[in-house]
Each structure stands twice: as C-alpha cells, then as structure tokens.
Amino acid sequence: MNSPTLKDQVSPEEWQLRVDLAAAYRLVALCGWSDLIFTHISARIPGPEHHFLINPYGLMFDEITASSLIRVDQGCNKLHDSPHPVNPAGFVIHSAIHEAREDAGCVLHTHTRAGVAVAAQRGGVLPISQQSTFVLASLAYHDYQGVAFRPEEKPSLQADLGDKNFLCLRNHGLLTVGRSIADAFLSMYVFESACQIQVAAQAGGAELIPVNPAIVSGTAQAMKVQTGGLGGAFAWPALLRKLDRLDPGFRD
C-alpha cells in the first residue's frame, strides 16, 4: 500500500513528525495492541492552523508509512489529496483532547484485551506493580457513553481527562497523551504493561499485595528523576533502530 512520497512536498518538521507517527503505528502493531483498523493515533502539526496527522482509514497499522498519513483539520477534513478515506467518527476523542490540551502533541488510543479488561473493573488500575504506580501518578477515568462518535461527548471527556496523561475509558480501552509521539507511545507501553500484569496477577487467585500509598504518591517525582517523566527520549531512538532492522518501509 505504498503512497507517492510527500517528503519534498512538506516541511522538514512535518516530515519528521510523519516518520515518527508512522513508526508509532508500526510499533503498536508489533506490540499486538492494534484492533485491526479500528483505533487511531493522532499527532498535532506545529503551527497556528491546528492541523493533525491521522491514519488512512482501512489500512492495517503495519502498512502505514510517513507518506500515507493524512493531514486533517480539527473536523478531520482531508487537507491534501489521498486515495484513502479518513474516519471522522474515530477522530472525535482525539479532536476533543487536542482542542482542550495545547500540550497534547500526540494522542494514542487502544482497545487491547488487557486494557479493556481493566477498564471493565470497578476498581480500575490497582496499585500492585511498579508499572501501575507510574500510571496512577497521572490517571483519569471516563465513563462509557456508547461508541464514541458523537461530538456531544467532548465536554465530559475533556473534563474527565483534565491535566492527566493516562485515561482509562471505562468498558472501552486505554488512551495516553504526550507532548511528543515518543512520550505517548512510551506511556502506553507502561499503561498496557500495568494492565497485563494486573489481569495476570488476578488470574493467579492469590491475595494481591498493594504498593504502599506513600510510594504511589511520590511516583510523579520519581518519574522525573528516572525517565524524564516517562519521556520518550531514552527509548525512542532504540525503537526506531528496531523498526529499521525489521522493515524500514515506514519511512517512505
């Protein structure tokens, strides 16, 4: 599903954003987090126009390339020629967050088995792993209101998220917000890991040991010391090298 290259038709800044976003889609597929074609990762293009990059609807995540990504406005209207459609309904959640959060450079949403399983639990994310403490340092919840394609849901979604970077969509899935694509991806890696660990621990049937609340409350500061606040600067270059070894086609 190769698209004609856009490298010479966009700014170097936008091209780099395209490469990183295509990499994020490929990595989500590689990690087994994709739900066929039914979730999205959006990235804000710097500038006053409030334009975004989103996946061409109908492509599997491991098919997406830098050139196939589509530039859209806040209403998910295509802003350049592309043989592929976009999915405005799927952009509702993303547009709501980008609209409310100037720091939301990237919004990543998944429907994984472990993520939906934890989202269906009344207790949500439990403080039972180191990974969960990172999530709990900046976690919000949003109650299920049906398939999220109605603009009327935006105000409650924005209010529930507030200034948090992890959002558990009840009965639905997981979402992370990052200043960069790398930040959003690494946050989702930790979020998904916390959910997988929780489901596995619960399946063991033994009594779970909660992390000391004092440790949980101090995790936000620990994140800054250990990983730059879960910033992607540490892991992202290595992840790109991994993709280049497997298939550098995402850069096309």
C-alpha atoms as a PDB file:
ATOM      1  CA  MET A   1       0.000   0.000   0.000  1.00  0.00           C
ATOM      2  CA  ASN A   2       2.743   2.449  -0.967  1.00  0.00           C
ATOM      3  CA  SER A   3       1.810   6.104  -1.437  1.00  0.00           C
ATOM      4  CA  PRO A   4       3.798   8.598  -3.536  1.00  0.00           C
ATOM      5  CA  THR A   5       6.381  10.191  -1.284  1.00  0.00           C
ATOM      6  CA  LEU A   6       5.483  13.532   0.257  1.00  0.00           C
ATOM      7  CA  LYS A   7       8.977  14.207   1.554  1.00  0.00           C
ATOM      8  CA  ASP A   8       9.633  17.017  -0.908  1.00  0.00           C
ATOM      9  CA  GLN A   9       6.124  18.473  -0.536  1.00  0.00           C
ATOM     10  CA  VAL A  10       6.057  19.137   3.209  1.00  0.00           C
ATOM     11  CA  SER A  11       8.317  20.946   5.651  1.00  0.00           C
ATOM     12  CA  PRO A  12      11.218  19.034   7.229  1.00  0.00           C
ATOM     13  CA  GLU A  13       9.417  19.424  10.571  1.00  0.00           C
ATOM     14  CA  GLU A  14       6.236  17.829   9.256  1.00  0.00           C
ATOM     15  CA  TRP A  15       8.186  15.073   7.534  1.00  0.00           C
ATOM     16  CA  GLN A  16       9.915  14.123  10.786  1.00  0.00           C
ATOM     17  CA  LEU A  17       6.543  14.082  12.516  1.00  0.00           C
ATOM     18  CA  ARG A  18       5.231  11.798   9.773  1.00  0.00           C
ATOM     19  CA  VAL A  19       8.136   9.398  10.176  1.00  0.00           C
ATOM     20  CA  ASP A  20       7.668   9.251  13.951  1.00  0.00           C
ATOM     21  CA  LEU A  21       3.906   8.751  13.683  1.00  0.00           C
ATOM     22  CA  ALA A  22       4.277   6.010  11.073  1.00  0.00           C
ATOM     23  CA  ALA A  23       6.788   4.382  13.415  1.00  0.00           C
ATOM     24  CA  ALA A  24       4.286   4.558  16.273  1.00  0.00           C
ATOM     25  CA  TYR A  25       1.653   2.791  14.177  1.00  0.00           C
ATOM     26  CA  ARG A  26       4.141   0.084  13.210  1.00  0.00           C
ATOM     27  CA  LEU A  27       5.222  -0.339  16.850  1.00  0.00           C
ATOM     28  CA  VAL A  28       1.618  -0.619  18.039  1.00  0.00           C
ATOM     29  CA  ALA A  29       1.123  -3.407  15.506  1.00  0.00           C
ATOM     30  CA  LEU A  30       4.397  -5.049  16.535  1.00  0.00           C
ATOM     31  CA  CYS A  31       3.357  -4.998  20.192  1.00  0.00           C
ATOM     32  CA  GLY A  32      -0.002  -6.596  19.368  1.00  0.00           C
ATOM     33  CA  TRP A  33      -2.034  -3.591  20.502  1.00  0.00           C
ATOM     34  CA  SER A  34      -3.867  -2.901  17.240  1.00  0.00           C
ATOM     35  CA  ASP A  35      -7.552  -3.723  16.782  1.00  0.00           C
ATOM     36  CA  LEU A  36      -7.473  -4.355  13.031  1.00  0.00           C
ATOM     37  CA  ILE A  37      -8.106  -0.812  11.673  1.00  0.00           C
ATOM     38  CA  PHE A  38     -10.300   0.445  14.488  1.00  0.00           C
ATOM     39  CA  THR A  39      -8.217   2.746  16.648  1.00  0.00           C
ATOM     40  CA  HIS A  40      -6.152   5.826  15.938  1.00  0.00           C
ATOM     41  CA  ILE A  41      -3.008   7.705  16.846  1.00  0.00           C
ATOM     42  CA  SER A  42      -3.099  11.419  16.092  1.00  0.00           C
ATOM     43  CA  ALA A  43      -0.289  13.963  16.084  1.00  0.00           C
ATOM     44  CA  ARG A  44      -0.562  17.748  16.071  1.00  0.00           C
ATOM     45  CA  ILE A  45       1.408  19.558  13.370  1.00  0.00           C
ATOM     46  CA  PRO A  46       3.078  22.613  14.975  1.00  0.00           C
ATOM     47  CA  GLY A  47       1.606  25.918  13.839  1.00  0.00           C
ATOM     48  CA  PRO A  48      -1.444  28.128  14.285  1.00  0.00           C
ATOM     49  CA  GLU A  49      -3.651  26.136  11.905  1.00  0.00           C
ATOM     50  CA  HIS A  50      -4.416  23.304  14.374  1.00  0.00           C
ATOM     51  CA  HIS A  51      -3.821  20.628  11.779  1.00  0.00           C
ATOM     52  CA  PHE A  52      -3.181  16.974  12.575  1.00  0.00           C
ATOM     53  CA  LEU A  53      -1.874  13.769  11.092  1.00  0.00           C
ATOM     54  CA  ILE A  54      -4.060  10.661  11.265  1.00  0.00           C
ATOM     55  CA  ASN A  55      -4.050   7.208   9.721  1.00  0.00           C
ATOM     56  CA  PRO A  56      -5.684   6.465   6.372  1.00  0.00           C
ATOM     57  CA  TYR A  57      -8.787   4.511   7.323  1.00  0.00           C
ATOM     58  CA  GLY A  58      -8.740   0.959   6.053  1.00  0.00           C
ATOM     59  CA  LEU A  59      -5.003   0.336   6.273  1.00  0.00           C
ATOM     60  CA  MET A  60      -3.619  -2.071   8.852  1.00  0.00           C
ATOM     61  CA  PHE A  61      -1.205  -0.415  11.229  1.00  0.00           C
ATOM     62  CA  ASP A  62       1.758  -2.346   9.823  1.00  0.00           C
ATOM     63  CA  GLU A  63       1.016  -0.903   6.354  1.00  0.00           C
ATOM     64  CA  ILE A  64       1.194   2.754   7.333  1.00  0.00           C
ATOM     65  CA  THR A  65       4.015   4.914   6.007  1.00  0.00           C
ATOM     66  CA  ALA A  66       5.072   8.505   6.507  1.00  0.00           C
ATOM     67  CA  SER A  67       3.590   9.496   3.136  1.00  0.00           C
ATOM     68  CA  SER A  68       0.293   7.644   3.574  1.00  0.00           C
ATOM     69  CA  LEU A  69      -0.615   9.577   6.733  1.00  0.00           C
ATOM     70  CA  ILE A  70      -3.285  12.192   6.071  1.00  0.00           C
ATOM     71  CA  ARG A  71      -3.227  15.821   7.171  1.00  0.00           C
ATOM     72  CA  VAL A  72      -6.622  16.893   8.529  1.00  0.00           C
ATOM     73  CA  ASP A  73      -8.183  19.879  10.259  1.00  0.00           C
ATOM     74  CA  GLN A  74      -9.999  19.880  13.618  1.00  0.00           C
ATOM     75  CA  GLY A  75     -13.063  18.409  11.890  1.00  0.00           C
ATOM     76  CA  CYS A  76     -10.994  15.591  10.333  1.00  0.00           C
ATOM     77  CA  ASN A  77     -11.436  17.006   6.829  1.00  0.00           C
ATOM     78  CA  LYS A  78      -8.667  15.948   4.440  1.00  0.00           C
ATOM     79  CA  LEU A  79      -6.303  18.788   3.542  1.00  0.00           C
ATOM     80  CA  HIS A  80      -4.430  17.091   0.699  1.00  0.00           C
ATOM     81  CA  ASP A  81      -5.134  14.519  -1.968  1.00  0.00           C
ATOM     82  CA  SER A  82      -5.068  10.928  -0.810  1.00  0.00           C
ATOM     83  CA  PRO A  83      -6.556   7.765  -2.301  1.00  0.00           C
ATOM     84  CA  HIS A  84      -7.584   6.724   1.203  1.00  0.00           C
ATOM     85  CA  PRO A  85     -10.519   7.914   3.336  1.00  0.00           C
ATOM     86  CA  VAL A  86     -10.318   9.199   6.886  1.00  0.00           C
ATOM     87  CA  ASN A  87     -12.641   8.309   9.739  1.00  0.00           C
ATOM     88  CA  PRO A  88     -14.150  11.467  11.273  1.00  0.00           C
ATOM     89  CA  ALA A  89     -16.126   9.438  13.823  1.00  0.00           C
ATOM     90  CA  GLY A  90     -12.932   7.869  15.108  1.00  0.00           C
ATOM     91  CA  PHE A  91     -11.328  11.298  15.450  1.00  0.00           C
ATOM     92  CA  VAL A  92     -13.936  12.608  17.926  1.00  0.00           C
ATOM     93  CA  ILE A  93     -11.989  11.531  21.010  1.00  0.00           C
ATOM     94  CA  HIS A  94      -8.730  12.807  19.567  1.00  0.00           C
ATOM     95  CA  SER A  95     -10.091  16.165  18.452  1.00  0.00           C
ATOM     96  CA  ALA A  96     -11.661  16.705  21.877  1.00  0.00           C
ATOM     97  CA  ILE A  97      -8.314  16.226  23.607  1.00  0.00           C
ATOM     98  CA  HIS A  98      -6.274  18.243  21.121  1.00  0.00           C
ATOM     99  CA  GLU A  99      -8.846  21.027  21.431  1.00  0.00           C
ATOM    100  CA  ALA A 100      -8.608  21.157  25.228  1.00  0.00           C
ATOM    101  CA  ARG A 101      -4.904  20.418  25.695  1.00  0.00           C
ATOM    102  CA  GLU A 102      -2.311  22.595  23.980  1.00  0.00           C
ATOM    103  CA  ASP A 103       0.343  20.211  25.302  1.00  0.00           C
ATOM    104  CA  ALA A 104      -1.249  17.230  23.518  1.00  0.00           C
ATOM    105  CA  GLY A 105       1.229  16.694  20.721  1.00  0.00           C
ATOM    106  CA  CYS A 106       0.071  13.114  20.334  1.00  0.00           C
ATOM    107  CA  VAL A 107      -2.984  11.118  21.437  1.00  0.00           C
ATOM    108  CA  LEU A 108      -2.765   7.309  21.327  1.00  0.00           C
ATOM    109  CA  HIS A 109      -5.836   5.102  21.835  1.00  0.00           C
ATOM    110  CA  THR A 110      -6.044   1.306  22.050  1.00  0.00           C
ATOM    111  CA  HIS A 111      -8.617  -1.472  22.511  1.00  0.00           C
ATOM    112  CA  THR A 112      -6.360  -4.243  23.841  1.00  0.00           C
ATOM    113  CA  ARG A 113      -7.726  -7.265  25.694  1.00  0.00           C
ATOM    114  CA  ALA A 114      -5.918  -6.412  28.926  1.00  0.00           C
ATOM    115  CA  GLY A 115      -6.762  -2.722  28.636  1.00  0.00           C
ATOM    116  CA  VAL A 116     -10.481  -3.309  28.134  1.00  0.00           C
ATOM    117  CA  ALA A 117     -10.461  -5.958  30.888  1.00  0.00           C
ATOM    118  CA  VAL A 118      -9.092  -3.472  33.424  1.00  0.00           C
ATOM    119  CA  ALA A 119     -11.371  -0.728  32.066  1.00  0.00           C
ATOM    120  CA  ALA A 120     -14.304  -3.032  32.868  1.00  0.00           C
ATOM    121  CA  GLN A 121     -13.249  -3.469  36.501  1.00  0.00           C
ATOM    122  CA  ARG A 122     -14.840  -1.180  39.073  1.00  0.00           C
ATOM    123  CA  GLY A 123     -11.504  -0.723  40.840  1.00  0.00           C
ATOM    124  CA  GLY A 124      -9.724   0.243  37.642  1.00  0.00           C
ATOM    125  CA  VAL A 125      -5.944   0.237  37.763  1.00  0.00           C
ATOM    126  CA  LEU A 126      -4.776  -1.292  41.045  1.00  0.00           C
ATOM    127  CA  PRO A 127      -1.533  -0.268  42.786  1.00  0.00           C
ATOM    128  CA  ILE A 128       0.052  -3.707  42.580  1.00  0.00           C
ATOM    129  CA  SER A 129       3.076  -3.182  40.314  1.00  0.00           C
ATOM    130  CA  GLN A 130       5.799  -0.655  39.677  1.00  0.00           C
ATOM    131  CA  GLN A 131       4.219  -0.014  36.279  1.00  0.00           C
ATOM    132  CA  SER A 132       0.878   0.796  37.876  1.00  0.00           C
ATOM    133  CA  THR A 133       2.457   3.441  40.101  1.00  0.00           C
ATOM    134  CA  PHE A 134       3.612   5.393  37.037  1.00  0.00           C
ATOM    135  CA  VAL A 135       0.094   5.245  35.607  1.00  0.00           C
ATOM    136  CA  LEU A 136      -1.603   6.173  38.889  1.00  0.00           C
ATOM    137  CA  ALA A 137       0.571   9.296  39.121  1.00  0.00           C
ATOM    138  CA  SER A 138      -1.439  10.826  36.251  1.00  0.00           C
ATOM    139  CA  LEU A 139      -4.598   8.747  35.714  1.00  0.00           C
ATOM    140  CA  ALA A 140      -8.179   9.778  34.942  1.00  0.00           C
ATOM    141  CA  TYR A 141     -11.346   7.794  34.139  1.00  0.00           C
ATOM    142  CA  HIS A 142     -14.155   8.424  31.651  1.00  0.00           C
ATOM    143  CA  ASP A 143     -17.445   6.539  31.876  1.00  0.00           C
ATOM    144  CA  TYR A 144     -18.730   4.694  28.833  1.00  0.00           C
ATOM    145  CA  GLN A 145     -21.344   6.581  26.790  1.00  0.00           C
ATOM    146  CA  GLY A 146     -21.609   4.252  23.813  1.00  0.00           C
ATOM    147  CA  VAL A 147     -19.472   4.216  20.679  1.00  0.00           C
ATOM    148  CA  ALA A 148     -17.557   7.500  20.813  1.00  0.00           C
ATOM    149  CA  PHE A 149     -18.648   9.203  17.603  1.00  0.00           C
ATOM    150  CA  ARG A 150     -20.918  11.939  18.997  1.00  0.00           C
ATOM    151  CA  PRO A 151     -19.500  15.459  19.441  1.00  0.00           C
ATOM    152  CA  GLU A 152     -21.806  15.841  22.467  1.00  0.00           C
ATOM    153  CA  GLU A 153     -19.420  13.608  24.422  1.00  0.00           C
ATOM    154  CA  LYS A 154     -16.489  16.003  24.047  1.00  0.00           C
ATOM    155  CA  PRO A 155     -17.139  18.253  27.093  1.00  0.00           C
ATOM    156  CA  SER A 156     -17.351  15.364  29.558  1.00  0.00           C
ATOM    157  CA  LEU A 157     -14.315  13.709  28.004  1.00  0.00           C
ATOM    158  CA  GLN A 158     -12.302  16.920  28.329  1.00  0.00           C
ATOM    159  CA  ALA A 159     -13.451  17.488  31.901  1.00  0.00           C
ATOM    160  CA  ASP A 160     -12.657  13.917  32.949  1.00  0.00           C
ATOM    161  CA  LEU A 161      -9.173  13.976  31.438  1.00  0.00           C
ATOM    162  CA  GLY A 162      -8.246  17.377  32.866  1.00  0.00           C
ATOM    163  CA  ASP A 163      -4.455  17.652  33.057  1.00  0.00           C
ATOM    164  CA  LYS A 164      -3.817  13.898  33.276  1.00  0.00           C
ATOM    165  CA  ASN A 165      -1.821  11.932  30.709  1.00  0.00           C
ATOM    166  CA  PHE A 166      -3.387   8.477  31.180  1.00  0.00           C
ATOM    167  CA  LEU A 167      -7.095   7.968  30.549  1.00  0.00           C
ATOM    168  CA  CYS A 168      -8.980   4.746  31.264  1.00  0.00           C
ATOM    169  CA  LEU A 169     -12.073   4.735  29.062  1.00  0.00           C
ATOM    170  CA  ARG A 170     -14.491   2.576  31.050  1.00  0.00           C
ATOM    171  CA  ASN A 171     -15.620  -0.565  29.164  1.00  0.00           C
ATOM    172  CA  HIS A 172     -13.728   0.729  26.137  1.00  0.00           C
ATOM    173  CA  GLY A 173      -9.931   0.897  26.320  1.00  0.00           C
ATOM    174  CA  LEU A 174      -6.864   2.963  27.109  1.00  0.00           C
ATOM    175  CA  LEU A 175      -5.596   6.364  25.997  1.00  0.00           C
ATOM    176  CA  THR A 176      -2.398   8.304  26.537  1.00  0.00           C
ATOM    177  CA  VAL A 177      -1.496  11.923  25.905  1.00  0.00           C
ATOM    178  CA  GLY A 178       2.067  13.015  25.211  1.00  0.00           C
ATOM    179  CA  ARG A 179       3.922  16.167  24.286  1.00  0.00           C
ATOM    180  CA  SER A 180       5.557  14.049  21.604  1.00  0.00           C
ATOM    181  CA  ILE A 181       4.775  10.830  19.763  1.00  0.00           C
ATOM    182  CA  ALA A 182       7.574   9.134  21.680  1.00  0.00           C
ATOM    183  CA  ASP A 183       6.084  10.256  25.007  1.00  0.00           C
ATOM    184  CA  ALA A 184       2.601   8.970  24.138  1.00  0.00           C
ATOM    185  CA  PHE A 185       3.976   5.630  22.949  1.00  0.00           C
ATOM    186  CA  LEU A 186       6.156   5.031  25.997  1.00  0.00           C
ATOM    187  CA  SER A 187       3.258   5.974  28.284  1.00  0.00           C
ATOM    188  CA  MET A 188       1.050   3.442  26.510  1.00  0.00           C
ATOM    189  CA  TYR A 189       3.752   0.800  26.886  1.00  0.00           C
ATOM    190  CA  VAL A 190       3.683   1.321  30.649  1.00  0.00           C
ATOM    191  CA  PHE A 191      -0.151   1.536  30.760  1.00  0.00           C
ATOM    192  CA  GLU A 192      -0.605  -1.667  28.783  1.00  0.00           C
ATOM    193  CA  SER A 193       2.054  -3.437  30.867  1.00  0.00           C
ATOM    194  CA  ALA A 194       0.282  -2.428  34.090  1.00  0.00           C
ATOM    195  CA  CYS A 195      -2.989  -3.843  32.767  1.00  0.00           C
ATOM    196  CA  GLN A 196      -1.435  -7.104  31.581  1.00  0.00           C
ATOM    197  CA  ILE A 197       0.279  -7.573  34.942  1.00  0.00           C
ATOM    198  CA  GLN A 198      -2.963  -6.853  36.801  1.00  0.00           C
ATOM    199  CA  VAL A 199      -5.018  -9.336  34.792  1.00  0.00           C
ATOM    200  CA  ALA A 200      -2.309 -11.993  35.169  1.00  0.00           C
ATOM    201  CA  ALA A 201      -1.990 -11.398  38.912  1.00  0.00           C
ATOM    202  CA  GLN A 202      -5.751 -11.608  39.383  1.00  0.00           C
ATOM    203  CA  ALA A 203      -5.873 -14.822  37.378  1.00  0.00           C
ATOM    204  CA  GLY A 204      -3.396 -16.383  39.810  1.00  0.00           C
ATOM    205  CA  GLY A 205      -6.050 -16.284  42.510  1.00  0.00           C
ATOM    206  CA  ALA A 206      -3.677 -15.380  45.357  1.00  0.00           C
ATOM    207  CA  GLU A 207      -4.068 -12.335  47.611  1.00  0.00           C
ATOM    208  CA  LEU A 208      -2.535  -9.277  45.961  1.00  0.00           C
ATOM    209  CA  ILE A 209      -0.040  -7.061  47.781  1.00  0.00           C
ATOM    210  CA  PRO A 210      -0.790  -3.342  47.246  1.00  0.00           C
ATOM    211  CA  VAL A 211       2.033  -0.855  46.903  1.00  0.00           C
ATOM    212  CA  ASN A 212       2.384   1.481  49.875  1.00  0.00           C
ATOM    213  CA  PRO A 213       0.241   4.594  49.188  1.00  0.00           C
ATOM    214  CA  ALA A 214       3.180   6.822  50.140  1.00  0.00           C
ATOM    215  CA  ILE A 215       5.203   5.285  47.335  1.00  0.00           C
ATOM    216  CA  VAL A 216       2.373   5.809  44.871  1.00  0.00           C
ATOM    217  CA  SER A 217       2.025   9.461  45.840  1.00  0.00           C
ATOM    218  CA  GLY A 218       5.758  10.019  45.390  1.00  0.00           C
ATOM    219  CA  THR A 219       5.967   8.393  41.978  1.00  0.00           C
ATOM    220  CA  ALA A 220       5.421  11.584  39.981  1.00  0.00           C
ATOM    221  CA  GLN A 221       8.710  12.971  41.267  1.00  0.00           C
ATOM    222  CA  ALA A 222      10.440   9.613  40.801  1.00  0.00           C
ATOM    223  CA  MET A 223       9.323   9.580  37.157  1.00  0.00           C
ATOM    224  CA  LYS A 224      11.140  12.855  36.551  1.00  0.00           C
ATOM    225  CA  VAL A 225      14.332  11.500  38.073  1.00  0.00           C
ATOM    226  CA  GLN A 226      14.302   8.050  36.458  1.00  0.00           C
ATOM    227  CA  THR A 227      12.916   8.619  32.969  1.00  0.00           C
ATOM    228  CA  GLY A 228      12.410  12.328  32.456  1.00  0.00           C
ATOM    229  CA  GLY A 229       8.729  11.960  33.330  1.00  0.00           C
ATOM    230  CA  LEU A 230       8.263   8.897  31.103  1.00  0.00           C
ATOM    231  CA  GLY A 231       9.698  10.966  28.261  1.00  0.00           C
ATOM    232  CA  GLY A 232      10.431   9.053  25.089  1.00  0.00           C
ATOM    233  CA  ALA A 233      13.910  10.500  24.523  1.00  0.00           C
ATOM    234  CA  PHE A 234      15.557   7.484  26.139  1.00  0.00           C
ATOM    235  CA  ALA A 235      13.726   4.637  24.400  1.00  0.00           C
ATOM    236  CA  TRP A 236      12.548   6.131  21.102  1.00  0.00           C
ATOM    237  CA  PRO A 237      15.846   6.028  19.143  1.00  0.00           C
ATOM    238  CA  ALA A 238      16.280   2.374  20.082  1.00  0.00           C
ATOM    239  CA  LEU A 239      12.727   1.601  18.980  1.00  0.00           C
ATOM    240  CA  LEU A 240      13.349   3.267  15.618  1.00  0.00           C
ATOM    241  CA  ARG A 241      16.517   1.205  15.173  1.00  0.00           C
ATOM    242  CA  LYS A 242      14.483  -1.927  15.885  1.00  0.00           C
ATOM    243  CA  LEU A 243      11.942  -0.974  13.223  1.00  0.00           C
ATOM    244  CA  ASP A 244      14.727  -0.206  10.734  1.00  0.00           C
ATOM    245  CA  ARG A 245      16.124  -3.709  11.274  1.00  0.00           C
ATOM    246  CA  LEU A 246      12.699  -5.281  10.740  1.00  0.00           C
ATOM    247  CA  ASP A 247      11.330  -3.119   7.922  1.00  0.00           C
ATOM    248  CA  PRO A 248      12.397   0.488   7.227  1.00  0.00           C
ATOM    249  CA  GLY A 249       9.399   0.953   4.905  1.00  0.00           C
ATOM    250  CA  PHE A 250       7.607   3.108   7.475  1.00  0.00           C
ATOM    251  CA  ARG A 251       9.972   5.918   6.453  1.00  0.00           C
ATOM    252  CA  ASP A 252       8.665   6.010   2.851  1.00  0.00           C
END
